[in-house]
């Protein structure tokens, strides 16, 4: 007799991919759009420069966008699938 239910690990992996992959792709697009219009050296937050190097600013910007889009994708997932355990 086989167990046709998905394992908890595979379900969690599927949920993470449904949330993190679109967020990753949108972070790439948002970073490209933002930094094609703004020089990272011109960004000043609370009187301090964002980063000394452009690469550091690109990295920080990418991860900030990725977290924001992951929150958005996670909220969409929760609203569409609910909190049920099935």
PDB file of N, CA and C in Angstrom:
ATOM      1  N   UNK A   1       0.840  -1.167   0.000  1.00  0.00           N
ATOM      2  CA  UNK A   1       0.000   0.000   0.000  1.00  0.00           C
ATOM      3  C   UNK A   1       0.894   1.242   0.000  1.00  0.00           C
ATOM      4  N   UNK A   2       0.625   2.160  -0.912  1.00  0.00           N
ATOM      5  CA  UNK A   2       1.454   3.354  -1.024  1.00  0.00           C
ATOM      6  C   UNK A   2       0.761   4.551  -0.389  1.00  0.00           C
ATOM      7  N   UNK A   3       1.568   5.442   0.078  1.00  0.00           N
ATOM      8  CA  UNK A   3       1.066   6.676   0.679  1.00  0.00           C
ATOM      9  C   UNK A   3       1.127   7.768  -0.382  1.00  0.00           C
ATOM     10  N   UNK A   4      -0.037   8.226  -0.870  1.00  0.00           N
ATOM     11  CA  UNK A   4      -0.100   9.216  -1.942  1.00  0.00           C
ATOM     12  C   UNK A   4      -0.062  10.656  -1.437  1.00  0.00           C
ATOM     13  N   UNK A   5      -0.045  10.848  -0.127  1.00  0.00           N
ATOM     14  CA  UNK A   5       0.005  12.197   0.415  1.00  0.00           C
ATOM     15  C   UNK A   5       1.397  12.791   0.216  1.00  0.00           C
ATOM     16  N   UNK A   6       1.452  14.084  -0.119  1.00  0.00           N
ATOM     17  CA  UNK A   6       2.782  14.701  -0.257  1.00  0.00           C
ATOM     18  C   UNK A   6       3.458  14.811   1.099  1.00  0.00           C
ATOM     19  N   UNK A   7       4.761  14.625   1.101  1.00  0.00           N
ATOM     20  CA  UNK A   7       5.519  14.759   2.339  1.00  0.00           C
ATOM     21  C   UNK A   7       5.573  16.222   2.755  1.00  0.00           C
ATOM     22  N   UNK A   8       5.751  16.449   4.051  1.00  0.00           N
ATOM     23  CA  UNK A   8       5.786  17.828   4.565  1.00  0.00           C
ATOM     24  C   UNK A   8       6.955  18.605   3.962  1.00  0.00           C
ATOM     25  N   UNK A   9       8.098  17.966   3.769  1.00  0.00           N
ATOM     26  CA  UNK A   9       9.259  18.636   3.192  1.00  0.00           C
ATOM     27  C   UNK A   9       9.026  19.059   1.758  1.00  0.00           C
ATOM     28  N   UNK A  10       8.393  18.207   0.970  1.00  0.00           N
ATOM     29  CA  UNK A  10       8.137  18.565  -0.421  1.00  0.00           C
ATOM     30  C   UNK A  10       7.078  19.660  -0.512  1.00  0.00           C
ATOM     31  N   UNK A  11       6.115  19.646   0.403  1.00  0.00           N
ATOM     32  CA  UNK A  11       5.088  20.698   0.416  1.00  0.00           C
ATOM     33  C   UNK A  11       5.718  22.033   0.786  1.00  0.00           C
ATOM     34  N   UNK A  12       6.573  22.031   1.801  1.00  0.00           N
ATOM     35  CA  UNK A  12       7.255  23.260   2.208  1.00  0.00           C
ATOM     36  C   UNK A  12       8.137  23.783   1.078  1.00  0.00           C
ATOM     37  N   UNK A  13       8.853  22.894   0.403  1.00  0.00           N
ATOM     38  CA  UNK A  13       9.689  23.298  -0.724  1.00  0.00           C
ATOM     39  C   UNK A  13       8.869  23.907  -1.848  1.00  0.00           C
ATOM     40  N   UNK A  14       7.709  23.333  -2.115  1.00  0.00           N
ATOM     41  CA  UNK A  14       6.830  23.855  -3.164  1.00  0.00           C
ATOM     42  C   UNK A  14       6.313  25.247  -2.783  1.00  0.00           C
ATOM     43  N   UNK A  15       5.934  25.419  -1.518  1.00  0.00           N
ATOM     44  CA  UNK A  15       5.453  26.729  -1.057  1.00  0.00           C
ATOM     45  C   UNK A  15       6.570  27.765  -1.158  1.00  0.00           C
ATOM     46  N   UNK A  16       7.772  27.398  -0.720  1.00  0.00           N
ATOM     47  CA  UNK A  16       8.895  28.336  -0.794  1.00  0.00           C
ATOM     48  C   UNK A  16       9.193  28.730  -2.239  1.00  0.00           C
ATOM     49  N   UNK A  17       9.119  27.777  -3.150  1.00  0.00           N
ATOM     50  CA  UNK A  17       9.374  28.108  -4.551  1.00  0.00           C
ATOM     51  C   UNK A  17       8.264  28.981  -5.124  1.00  0.00           C
ATOM     52  N   UNK A  18       7.024  28.769  -4.702  1.00  0.00           N
ATOM     53  CA  UNK A  18       5.925  29.598  -5.181  1.00  0.00           C
ATOM     54  C   UNK A  18       6.016  31.020  -4.635  1.00  0.00           C
ATOM     55  N   UNK A  19       6.684  31.202  -3.525  1.00  0.00           N
ATOM     56  CA  UNK A  19       6.820  32.529  -2.925  1.00  0.00           C
ATOM     57  C   UNK A  19       8.155  33.169  -3.309  1.00  0.00           C
ATOM     58  N   UNK A  20       9.251  32.444  -3.160  1.00  0.00           N
ATOM     59  CA  UNK A  20      10.576  33.044  -3.331  1.00  0.00           C
ATOM     60  C   UNK A  20      11.000  33.223  -4.788  1.00  0.00           C
ATOM     61  N   UNK A  21      10.613  32.300  -5.666  1.00  0.00           N
ATOM     62  CA  UNK A  21      11.046  32.422  -7.059  1.00  0.00           C
ATOM     63  C   UNK A  21      10.462  33.655  -7.746  1.00  0.00           C
ATOM     64  N   UNK A  22       9.137  33.913  -7.673  1.00  0.00           N
ATOM     65  CA  UNK A  22       8.632  35.150  -8.277  1.00  0.00           C
ATOM     66  C   UNK A  22       9.220  36.403  -7.620  1.00  0.00           C
ATOM     67  N   UNK A  23       9.449  36.338  -6.310  1.00  0.00           N
ATOM     68  CA  UNK A  23      10.057  37.478  -5.617  1.00  0.00           C
ATOM     69  C   UNK A  23      11.466  37.721  -6.129  1.00  0.00           C
ATOM     70  N   UNK A  24      12.222  36.655  -6.365  1.00  0.00           N
ATOM     71  CA  UNK A  24      13.579  36.770  -6.898  1.00  0.00           C
ATOM     72  C   UNK A  24      13.564  37.423  -8.275  1.00  0.00           C
ATOM     73  N   UNK A  25      12.669  36.972  -9.140  1.00  0.00           N
ATOM     74  CA  UNK A  25      12.589  37.530 -10.493  1.00  0.00           C
ATOM     75  C   UNK A  25      12.190  39.001 -10.466  1.00  0.00           C
ATOM     76  N   UNK A  26      11.241  39.363  -9.625  1.00  0.00           N
ATOM     77  CA  UNK A  26      10.823  40.757  -9.542  1.00  0.00           C
ATOM     78  C   UNK A  26      11.902  41.634  -8.915  1.00  0.00           C
ATOM     79  N   UNK A  27      12.684  41.085  -7.986  1.00  0.00           N
ATOM     80  CA  UNK A  27      13.793  41.850  -7.404  1.00  0.00           C
ATOM     81  C   UNK A  27      14.828  42.179  -8.474  1.00  0.00           C
ATOM     82  N   UNK A  28      15.063  41.254  -9.381  1.00  0.00           N
ATOM     83  CA  UNK A  28      15.992  41.511 -10.489  1.00  0.00           C
ATOM     84  C   UNK A  28      15.483  42.664 -11.347  1.00  0.00           C
ATOM     85  N   UNK A  29      14.197  42.615 -11.690  1.00  0.00           N
ATOM     86  CA  UNK A  29      13.614  43.668 -12.529  1.00  0.00           C
ATOM     87  C   UNK A  29      13.635  45.014 -11.803  1.00  0.00           C
ATOM     88  N   UNK A  30      13.222  45.028 -10.534  1.00  0.00           N
ATOM     89  CA  UNK A  30      13.173  46.281  -9.779  1.00  0.00           C
ATOM     90  C   UNK A  30      14.561  46.884  -9.621  1.00  0.00           C
ATOM     91  N   UNK A  31      15.539  46.041  -9.360  1.00  0.00           N
ATOM     92  CA  UNK A  31      16.911  46.549  -9.220  1.00  0.00           C
ATOM     93  C   UNK A  31      17.409  47.134 -10.533  1.00  0.00           C
ATOM     94  N   UNK A  32      17.121  46.453 -11.626  1.00  0.00           N
ATOM     95  CA  UNK A  32      17.529  46.966 -12.927  1.00  0.00           C
ATOM     96  C   UNK A  32      16.896  48.306 -13.251  1.00  0.00           C
ATOM     97  N   UNK A  33      15.607  48.436 -12.939  1.00  0.00           N
ATOM     98  CA  UNK A  33      14.912  49.693 -13.208  1.00  0.00           C
ATOM     99  C   UNK A  33      15.438  50.804 -12.308  1.00  0.00           C
ATOM    100  N   UNK A  34      15.557  50.529 -11.010  1.00  0.00           N
ATOM    101  CA  UNK A  34      16.016  51.564 -10.077  1.00  0.00           C
ATOM    102  C   UNK A  34      17.416  52.042 -10.410  1.00  0.00           C
ATOM    103  N   UNK A  35      18.356  51.114 -10.540  1.00  0.00           N
ATOM    104  CA  UNK A  35      19.744  51.530 -10.713  1.00  0.00           C
ATOM    105  C   UNK A  35      20.085  51.918 -12.146  1.00  0.00           C
ATOM    106  N   UNK A  36      19.149  51.757 -13.082  1.00  0.00           N
ATOM    107  CA  UNK A  36      19.380  52.327 -14.408  1.00  0.00           C
ATOM    108  C   UNK A  36      19.029  53.812 -14.416  1.00  0.00           C
ATOM    109  N   UNK A  37      18.249  54.243 -13.398  1.00  0.00           N
ATOM    110  CA  UNK A  37      17.874  55.652 -13.314  1.00  0.00           C
ATOM    111  C   UNK A  37      18.620  56.412 -12.220  1.00  0.00           C
ATOM    112  N   UNK A  38      19.147  55.707 -11.214  1.00  0.00           N
ATOM    113  CA  UNK A  38      19.766  56.356 -10.055  1.00  0.00           C
ATOM    114  C   UNK A  38      21.174  55.792  -9.862  1.00  0.00           C
ATOM    115  N   UNK A  39      22.125  56.675  -9.673  1.00  0.00           N
ATOM    116  CA  UNK A  39      23.482  56.254  -9.347  1.00  0.00           C
ATOM    117  C   UNK A  39      23.541  55.907  -7.856  1.00  0.00           C
ATOM    118  N   UNK A  40      24.068  54.736  -7.492  1.00  0.00           N
ATOM    119  CA  UNK A  40      24.114  54.353  -6.079  1.00  0.00           C
ATOM    120  C   UNK A  40      24.856  55.345  -5.190  1.00  0.00           C
ATOM    121  N   UNK A  41      25.804  56.066  -5.738  1.00  0.00           N
ATOM    122  CA  UNK A  41      26.537  57.053  -4.937  1.00  0.00           C
ATOM    123  C   UNK A  41      25.678  58.268  -4.578  1.00  0.00           C
ATOM    124  N   UNK A  42      24.577  58.466  -5.309  1.00  0.00           N
ATOM    125  CA  UNK A  42      23.689  59.586  -5.025  1.00  0.00           C
ATOM    126  C   UNK A  42      22.674  59.263  -3.931  1.00  0.00           C
ATOM    127  N   UNK A  43      22.505  57.992  -3.594  1.00  0.00           N
ATOM    128  CA  UNK A  43      21.543  57.612  -2.567  1.00  0.00           C
ATOM    129  C   UNK A  43      22.092  57.932  -1.187  1.00  0.00           C
ATOM    130  N   UNK A  44      21.340  58.678  -0.434  1.00  0.00           N
ATOM    131  CA  UNK A  44      21.729  59.031   0.920  1.00  0.00           C
ATOM    132  C   UNK A  44      20.555  58.683   1.838  1.00  0.00           C
ATOM    133  N   UNK A  45      20.834  57.897   2.861  1.00  0.00           N
ATOM    134  CA  UNK A  45      19.807  57.516   3.822  1.00  0.00           C
ATOM    135  C   UNK A  45      20.218  58.049   5.183  1.00  0.00           C
ATOM    136  N   UNK A  46      19.391  58.891   5.765  1.00  0.00           N
ATOM    137  CA  UNK A  46      19.616  59.493   7.071  1.00  0.00           C
ATOM    138  C   UNK A  46      20.997  60.154   7.147  1.00  0.00           C
ATOM    139  N   UNK A  47      21.365  60.853   6.101  1.00  0.00           N
ATOM    140  CA  UNK A  47      22.616  61.587   6.111  1.00  0.00           C
ATOM    141  C   UNK A  47      23.856  60.751   5.852  1.00  0.00           C
ATOM    142  N   UNK A  48      23.713  59.459   5.708  1.00  0.00           N
ATOM    143  CA  UNK A  48      24.856  58.579   5.448  1.00  0.00           C
ATOM    144  C   UNK A  48      24.742  58.008   4.044  1.00  0.00           C
ATOM    145  N   UNK A  49      25.865  57.824   3.415  1.00  0.00           N
ATOM    146  CA  UNK A  49      25.837  57.182   2.107  1.00  0.00           C
ATOM    147  C   UNK A  49      25.450  55.722   2.266  1.00  0.00           C
ATOM    148  N   UNK A  50      24.677  55.230   1.308  1.00  0.00           N
ATOM    149  CA  UNK A  50      24.192  53.849   1.372  1.00  0.00           C
ATOM    150  C   UNK A  50      25.341  52.865   1.401  1.00  0.00           C
ATOM    151  N   UNK A  51      26.300  53.059   0.557  1.00  0.00           N
ATOM    152  CA  UNK A  51      27.454  52.155   0.516  1.00  0.00           C
ATOM    153  C   UNK A  51      28.629  52.878  -0.118  1.00  0.00           C
ATOM    154  N   UNK A  52      29.811  52.429   0.226  1.00  0.00           N
ATOM    155  CA  UNK A  52      31.002  53.039  -0.347  1.00  0.00           C
ATOM    156  C   UNK A  52      31.218  52.610  -1.789  1.00  0.00           C
ATOM    157  N   UNK A  53      30.797  51.418  -2.124  1.00  0.00           N
ATOM    158  CA  UNK A  53      30.987  50.939  -3.491  1.00  0.00           C
ATOM    159  C   UNK A  53      29.640  50.688  -4.154  1.00  0.00           C
ATOM    160  N   UNK A  54      29.634  50.779  -5.455  1.00  0.00           N
ATOM    161  CA  UNK A  54      28.399  50.523  -6.203  1.00  0.00           C
ATOM    162  C   UNK A  54      27.946  49.075  -6.031  1.00  0.00           C
ATOM    163  N   UNK A  55      28.892  48.148  -6.009  1.00  0.00           N
ATOM    164  CA  UNK A  55      28.534  46.734  -5.882  1.00  0.00           C
ATOM    165  C   UNK A  55      27.819  46.460  -4.556  1.00  0.00           C
ATOM    166  N   UNK A  56      28.278  47.100  -3.499  1.00  0.00           N
ATOM    167  CA  UNK A  56      27.620  46.929  -2.195  1.00  0.00           C
ATOM    168  C   UNK A  56      26.205  47.486  -2.242  1.00  0.00           C
ATOM    169  N   UNK A  57      26.022  48.633  -2.890  1.00  0.00           N
ATOM    170  CA  UNK A  57      24.680  49.213  -3.008  1.00  0.00           C
ATOM    171  C   UNK A  57      23.775  48.319  -3.836  1.00  0.00           C
ATOM    172  N   UNK A  58      24.300  47.735  -4.921  1.00  0.00           N
ATOM    173  CA  UNK A  58      23.508  46.818  -5.729  1.00  0.00           C
ATOM    174  C   UNK A  58      23.094  45.595  -4.915  1.00  0.00           C
ATOM    175  N   UNK A  59      24.012  45.076  -4.115  1.00  0.00           N
ATOM    176  CA  UNK A  59      23.731  43.897  -3.309  1.00  0.00           C
ATOM    177  C   UNK A  59      22.678  44.186  -2.251  1.00  0.00           C
ATOM    178  N   UNK A  60      22.859  45.282  -1.523  1.00  0.00           N
ATOM    179  CA  UNK A  60      21.891  45.655  -0.487  1.00  0.00           C
ATOM    180  C   UNK A  60      20.526  45.923  -1.114  1.00  0.00           C
ATOM    181  N   UNK A  61      20.516  46.638  -2.217  1.00  0.00           N
ATOM    182  CA  UNK A  61      19.258  46.933  -2.906  1.00  0.00           C
ATOM    183  C   UNK A  61      18.550  45.675  -3.360  1.00  0.00           C
ATOM    184  N   UNK A  62      19.303  44.724  -3.915  1.00  0.00           N
ATOM    185  CA  UNK A  62      18.698  43.482  -4.378  1.00  0.00           C
ATOM    186  C   UNK A  62      18.042  42.726  -3.230  1.00  0.00           C
ATOM    187  N   UNK A  63      18.758  42.592  -2.112  1.00  0.00           N
ATOM    188  CA  UNK A  63      18.183  41.842  -1.001  1.00  0.00           C
ATOM    189  C   UNK A  63      16.996  42.568  -0.370  1.00  0.00           C
ATOM    190  N   UNK A  64      17.025  43.889  -0.341  1.00  0.00           N
ATOM    191  CA  UNK A  64      15.870  44.632   0.170  1.00  0.00           C
ATOM    192  C   UNK A  64      14.662  44.399  -0.735  1.00  0.00           C
ATOM    193  N   UNK A  65      14.866  44.494  -2.041  1.00  0.00           N
ATOM    194  CA  UNK A  65      13.767  44.230  -2.968  1.00  0.00           C
ATOM    195  C   UNK A  65      13.269  42.792  -2.842  1.00  0.00           C
ATOM    196  N   UNK A  66      14.185  41.845  -2.706  1.00  0.00           N
ATOM    197  CA  UNK A  66      13.797  40.439  -2.619  1.00  0.00           C
ATOM    198  C   UNK A  66      12.939  40.198  -1.372  1.00  0.00           C
ATOM    199  N   UNK A  67      13.317  40.784  -0.256  1.00  0.00           N
ATOM    200  CA  UNK A  67      12.522  40.624   0.976  1.00  0.00           C
ATOM    201  C   UNK A  67      11.147  41.258   0.804  1.00  0.00           C
ATOM    202  N   UNK A  68      11.091  42.452   0.230  1.00  0.00           N
ATOM    203  CA  UNK A  68       9.802  43.114   0.045  1.00  0.00           C
ATOM    204  C   UNK A  68       8.885  42.314  -0.877  1.00  0.00           C
ATOM    205  N   UNK A  69       9.435  41.828  -1.979  1.00  0.00           N
ATOM    206  CA  UNK A  69       8.615  41.048  -2.901  1.00  0.00           C
ATOM    207  C   UNK A  69       8.260  39.678  -2.326  1.00  0.00           C
ATOM    208  N   UNK A  70       9.128  39.105  -1.499  1.00  0.00           N
ATOM    209  CA  UNK A  70       8.798  37.842  -0.840  1.00  0.00           C
ATOM    210  C   UNK A  70       7.642  38.035   0.139  1.00  0.00           C
ATOM    211  N   UNK A  71       7.632  39.149   0.848  1.00  0.00           N
ATOM    212  CA  UNK A  71       6.501  39.449   1.741  1.00  0.00           C
ATOM    213  C   UNK A  71       5.215  39.585   0.936  1.00  0.00           C
ATOM    214  N   UNK A  72       5.301  40.253  -0.190  1.00  0.00           N
ATOM    215  CA  UNK A  72       4.131  40.413  -1.049  1.00  0.00           C
ATOM    216  C   UNK A  72       3.647  39.063  -1.586  1.00  0.00           C
ATOM    217  N   UNK A  73       4.570  38.238  -2.065  1.00  0.00           N
ATOM    218  CA  UNK A  73       4.194  36.924  -2.583  1.00  0.00           C
ATOM    219  C   UNK A  73       3.649  36.027  -1.474  1.00  0.00           C
ATOM    220  N   UNK A  74       4.231  36.119  -0.283  1.00  0.00           N
ATOM    221  CA  UNK A  74       3.750  35.328   0.840  1.00  0.00           C
ATOM    222  C   UNK A  74       2.342  35.719   1.247  1.00  0.00           C
ATOM    223  N   UNK A  75       2.064  37.013   1.261  1.00  0.00           N
ATOM    224  CA  UNK A  75       0.709  37.463   1.573  1.00  0.00           C
ATOM    225  C   UNK A  75      -0.284  36.980   0.519  1.00  0.00           C
ATOM    226  N   UNK A  76       0.104  37.037  -0.743  1.00  0.00           N
ATOM    227  CA  UNK A  76      -0.757  36.547  -1.811  1.00  0.00           C
ATOM    228  C   UNK A  76      -1.010  35.056  -1.656  1.00  0.00           C
ATOM    229  N   UNK A  77       0.040  34.297  -1.320  1.00  0.00           N
ATOM    230  CA  UNK A  77      -0.122  32.862  -1.117  1.00  0.00           C
ATOM    231  C   UNK A  77      -1.083  32.581   0.035  1.00  0.00           C
ATOM    232  N   UNK A  78      -0.888  33.279   1.152  1.00  0.00           N
ATOM    233  CA  UNK A  78      -1.767  33.055   2.308  1.00  0.00           C
ATOM    234  C   UNK A  78      -3.208  33.436   2.005  1.00  0.00           C
ATOM    235  N   UNK A  79      -3.415  34.535   1.288  1.00  0.00           N
ATOM    236  CA  UNK A  79      -4.773  34.944   0.967  1.00  0.00           C
ATOM    237  C   UNK A  79      -5.443  33.986  -0.007  1.00  0.00           C
ATOM    238  N   UNK A  80      -4.683  33.399  -0.909  1.00  0.00           N
ATOM    239  CA  UNK A  80      -5.300  32.504  -1.901  1.00  0.00           C
ATOM    240  C   UNK A  80      -5.441  31.078  -1.385  1.00  0.00           C
ATOM    241  N   UNK A  81      -4.542  30.619  -0.520  1.00  0.00           N
ATOM    242  CA  UNK A  81      -4.589  29.236  -0.041  1.00  0.00           C
ATOM    243  C   UNK A  81      -5.070  29.112   1.396  1.00  0.00           C
ATOM    244  N   UNK A  82      -5.054  30.174   2.132  1.00  0.00           N
ATOM    245  CA  UNK A  82      -5.483  30.127   3.534  1.00  0.00           C
ATOM    246  C   UNK A  82      -4.438  29.488   4.409  1.00  0.00           C
ATOM    247  N   UNK A  83      -4.772  29.307   5.656  1.00  0.00           N
ATOM    248  CA  UNK A  83      -3.848  28.741   6.642  1.00  0.00           C
ATOM    249  C   UNK A  83      -4.157  27.271   6.929  1.00  0.00           C
ATOM    250  N   UNK A  84      -4.926  26.630   6.087  1.00  0.00           N
ATOM    251  CA  UNK A  84      -5.334  25.249   6.343  1.00  0.00           C
ATOM    252  C   UNK A  84      -4.152  24.282   6.213  1.00  0.00           C
ATOM    253  N   UNK A  85      -4.195  23.225   6.957  1.00  0.00           N
ATOM    254  CA  UNK A  85      -3.179  22.171   6.915  1.00  0.00           C
ATOM    255  C   UNK A  85      -3.769  20.992   6.157  1.00  0.00           C
ATOM    256  N   UNK A  86      -3.472  20.897   4.859  1.00  0.00           N
ATOM    257  CA  UNK A  86      -3.992  19.758   4.100  1.00  0.00           C
ATOM    258  C   UNK A  86      -2.928  19.153   3.248  1.00  0.00           C
TER     259      UNK A  86
END
